[in-house]
Protein backbone atom coordinates (compact mmCIF):
# COMPACT_ATOMS: atom_id res chain seq x y z
CA MET A 1 -0.05 -0.08 -0.04
CA VAL A 2 2.92 2.38 0.86
CA THR A 3 4.47 1.70 -2.65
CA PHE A 4 1.21 2.43 -4.18
CA VAL A 5 0.67 5.84 -2.42
CA LEU A 6 4.39 6.75 -3.13
CA THR A 7 3.88 5.86 -6.73
CA VAL A 8 0.70 8.00 -7.09
CA ILE A 9 2.42 10.95 -5.39
CA GLY A 10 5.40 10.51 -7.70
CA LEU A 11 3.14 10.62 -10.73
CA ILE A 12 1.25 13.61 -9.57
CA LEU A 13 4.64 15.51 -8.94
CA ALA A 14 5.84 14.46 -12.36
CA ALA A 15 2.72 15.69 -14.02
CA SER A 16 3.06 19.00 -12.25
CA ALA A 17 6.57 19.43 -13.48
CA VAL A 18 5.46 18.81 -17.10
CA ASN A 19 2.57 21.27 -16.66
CA ALA A 20 4.96 23.83 -15.28
CA GLU A 21 6.67 24.20 -18.70
CA GLU A 22 3.42 24.76 -20.61
CA VAL A 23 3.46 28.26 -21.93
CA THR A 24 -0.09 29.72 -22.22
CA ASP A 25 0.87 33.43 -22.75
CA PHE A 26 1.72 32.84 -26.45
CA ARG A 27 0.00 35.04 -29.11
CA MET A 28 -0.96 34.35 -32.64
CA CYS A 29 0.33 36.71 -35.47
CA ARG A 30 -2.18 38.58 -37.37
CA ASN A 31 -3.54 36.54 -40.44
CA ALA A 32 -1.91 33.36 -39.10
CA ARG A 33 -3.56 30.36 -40.85
CA CYS A 34 -3.10 27.94 -38.17
CA GLU A 35 -4.11 27.03 -34.67
CA ILE A 36 -1.50 26.29 -31.94
CA LEU A 37 -3.18 23.83 -29.52
CA ASN A 38 -0.28 23.82 -26.94
CA LEU A 39 3.17 25.14 -26.49
CA ASP A 40 5.83 23.56 -24.14
CA ILE A 41 9.15 25.07 -23.54
CA ASN A 42 11.78 23.18 -21.53
CA PRO A 43 13.05 24.52 -19.22
CA CYS A 44 10.48 27.09 -18.26
CA PRO A 45 9.22 26.86 -14.59
CA GLU A 46 8.44 30.60 -15.05
CA ALA A 47 5.36 29.68 -17.16
CA LEU A 48 3.48 28.82 -13.87
CA ASP A 49 3.64 32.50 -12.87
CA HIS A 50 2.89 33.81 -16.50
CA GLU A 51 6.37 35.10 -16.87
CA PRO A 52 8.77 34.85 -19.77
CA CYS A 53 10.87 31.78 -19.93
CA GLN A 54 14.40 32.43 -18.60
CA ILE A 55 17.13 30.73 -20.80
CA PRO A 56 20.69 30.96 -19.71
CA GLN A 57 23.32 31.71 -22.25
CA ASN A 58 25.17 28.65 -23.55
CA ASN A 59 22.15 26.44 -22.93
CA THR A 60 19.40 24.72 -25.02
CA ALA A 61 15.72 25.07 -24.73
CA SER A 62 13.32 22.79 -26.37
CA ILE A 63 10.30 24.27 -28.10
CA ALA A 64 7.55 21.79 -28.72
CA PHE A 65 3.98 22.52 -29.84
CA ARG A 66 0.91 20.85 -31.36
CA TYR A 67 -0.60 22.76 -34.33
CA LEU A 68 -3.38 22.48 -36.75
CA ALA A 69 -2.44 24.03 -40.15
CA LYS A 70 -5.10 25.67 -42.37
CA PHE A 71 -2.99 24.86 -45.57
CA ASN A 72 -1.10 22.06 -47.16
CA SER A 73 2.65 22.15 -47.83
CA LYS A 74 4.93 19.64 -49.37
CA LYS A 75 7.87 21.98 -49.05
CA PRO A 76 7.50 24.07 -45.73
CA LYS A 77 10.05 26.58 -44.61
CA THR A 78 10.51 27.97 -41.23
CA ARG A 79 12.25 30.70 -39.28
CA LEU A 80 12.60 32.08 -35.78
CA TYR A 81 12.69 35.84 -35.25
CA ALA A 82 13.36 38.26 -32.50
CA GLU A 83 10.78 41.05 -32.90
CA THR A 84 12.27 44.45 -32.54
CA ALA A 85 11.16 48.03 -33.12
CA ALA A 86 13.41 48.09 -36.32
CA GLY A 87 11.68 44.87 -37.63
CA ASP A 88 12.04 41.10 -37.21
CA LEU A 89 15.59 39.97 -36.80
CA PRO A 90 15.94 36.26 -38.12
CA LEU A 91 17.98 33.82 -35.93
CA ARG A 92 20.28 32.59 -38.56
CA ASP A 93 21.25 29.49 -36.56
CA MET A 94 17.97 27.67 -37.53
CA ASP A 95 17.91 25.41 -40.52
CA THR A 96 14.88 26.75 -42.60
CA ASN A 97 13.73 23.18 -43.66
CA ALA A 98 10.62 22.74 -41.46
CA CYS A 99 10.55 19.03 -42.12
CA LEU A 100 13.57 18.68 -39.76
CA TYR A 101 10.99 19.61 -36.97
CA THR A 102 7.82 18.27 -38.01
CA SER A 103 6.41 15.55 -40.18
CA CYS A 104 6.08 16.25 -43.84
CA PRO A 105 4.24 17.02 -45.88
CA ILE A 106 2.11 19.28 -43.69
CA GLU A 107 -1.63 18.55 -44.18
CA MET A 108 -4.44 20.94 -43.73
CA ASN A 109 -6.63 20.24 -40.60
CA VAL A 110 -4.40 17.41 -39.38
CA GLU A 111 -2.92 17.79 -35.81
CA SER A 112 0.73 17.60 -35.97
CA ASP A 113 3.65 18.04 -33.57
CA TRP A 114 6.84 20.20 -33.91
CA LEU A 115 9.97 20.06 -31.90
CA TYR A 116 12.86 22.47 -32.25
CA SER A 117 15.96 22.83 -29.91
CA LEU A 118 17.08 26.48 -29.49
CA PHE A 119 20.60 26.92 -28.43
CA ILE A 120 21.24 30.38 -26.71
CA GLU A 121 24.74 31.33 -27.68
CA THR A 122 26.84 33.91 -25.67
CA LYS A 123 26.49 36.18 -28.80
CA TYR A 124 22.79 36.68 -27.82
CA PRO A 125 22.73 39.70 -25.38
CA LYS A 126 21.09 38.97 -21.95
CA ASN A 127 17.77 40.77 -22.50
CA SER A 128 13.98 40.12 -22.79
CA TYR A 129 12.79 39.17 -26.31
CA THR A 130 9.68 38.53 -28.11
CA VAL A 131 10.37 35.47 -30.30
CA LYS A 132 8.24 34.80 -33.34
CA LEU A 133 8.07 31.27 -34.81
CA LYS A 134 6.79 31.08 -38.31
CA PHE A 135 6.43 28.40 -40.99
CA TRP A 136 5.05 28.62 -44.46
CA ASP A 137 4.50 26.88 -47.73
CA ASP A 138 7.42 27.33 -50.05
CA GLY A 139 6.28 25.05 -52.86
CA PRO A 140 6.07 26.23 -56.63
CA LYS A 141 2.30 26.97 -56.21
CA ALA A 142 2.39 28.44 -52.73
CA SER A 143 0.24 31.25 -51.60
CA ARG A 144 1.65 34.11 -49.60
CA LYS A 145 -1.31 33.67 -47.24
CA ASP A 146 -0.33 30.10 -46.31
CA VAL A 147 1.65 31.10 -43.12
CA CYS A 148 1.46 29.90 -39.50
CA CYS A 149 2.91 32.28 -36.99
CA PHE A 150 2.90 32.85 -33.20
CA LYS A 151 4.85 34.76 -30.72
CA PHE A 152 6.09 34.13 -27.12
CA ASP A 153 8.46 35.90 -24.69
CA ILE A 154 11.68 34.72 -23.36
CA LYS A 155 14.44 36.18 -21.26
CA VAL A 156 18.11 35.40 -21.93
CA VAL A 157 19.98 35.32 -18.66
């Protein structure tokens, strides 16, 4: 009986730790043709307090989300940006082939998962950032409207 109770308590604590990293304060970009069903960033215990994820320099954070695209794409591209007053600055370390992070082809109205590991180099200044993750159809018959885009906040520490 004691083993059972300890196992249940352990499972509850493990579930709480997973939920602590679910980011609910993300925002969809205007005219995004998708729905983000959930966003998990690891590590991000700050999400419990609705604060930006604090990611130390020289560390990696995993960005995982489930999405529902409102377009098809056999050749999707992607990019992470830091949103600034002067415009969006692309994070050039990311390979733009979206098929490295999600299953391809991307199919309209099919729930899919995405996983990306973001390495925060020391060249990124310690500061707060709004990060924009965007993916789009880059095929020969692509429409400029076929874009999924959302934003979330991080703090490089």
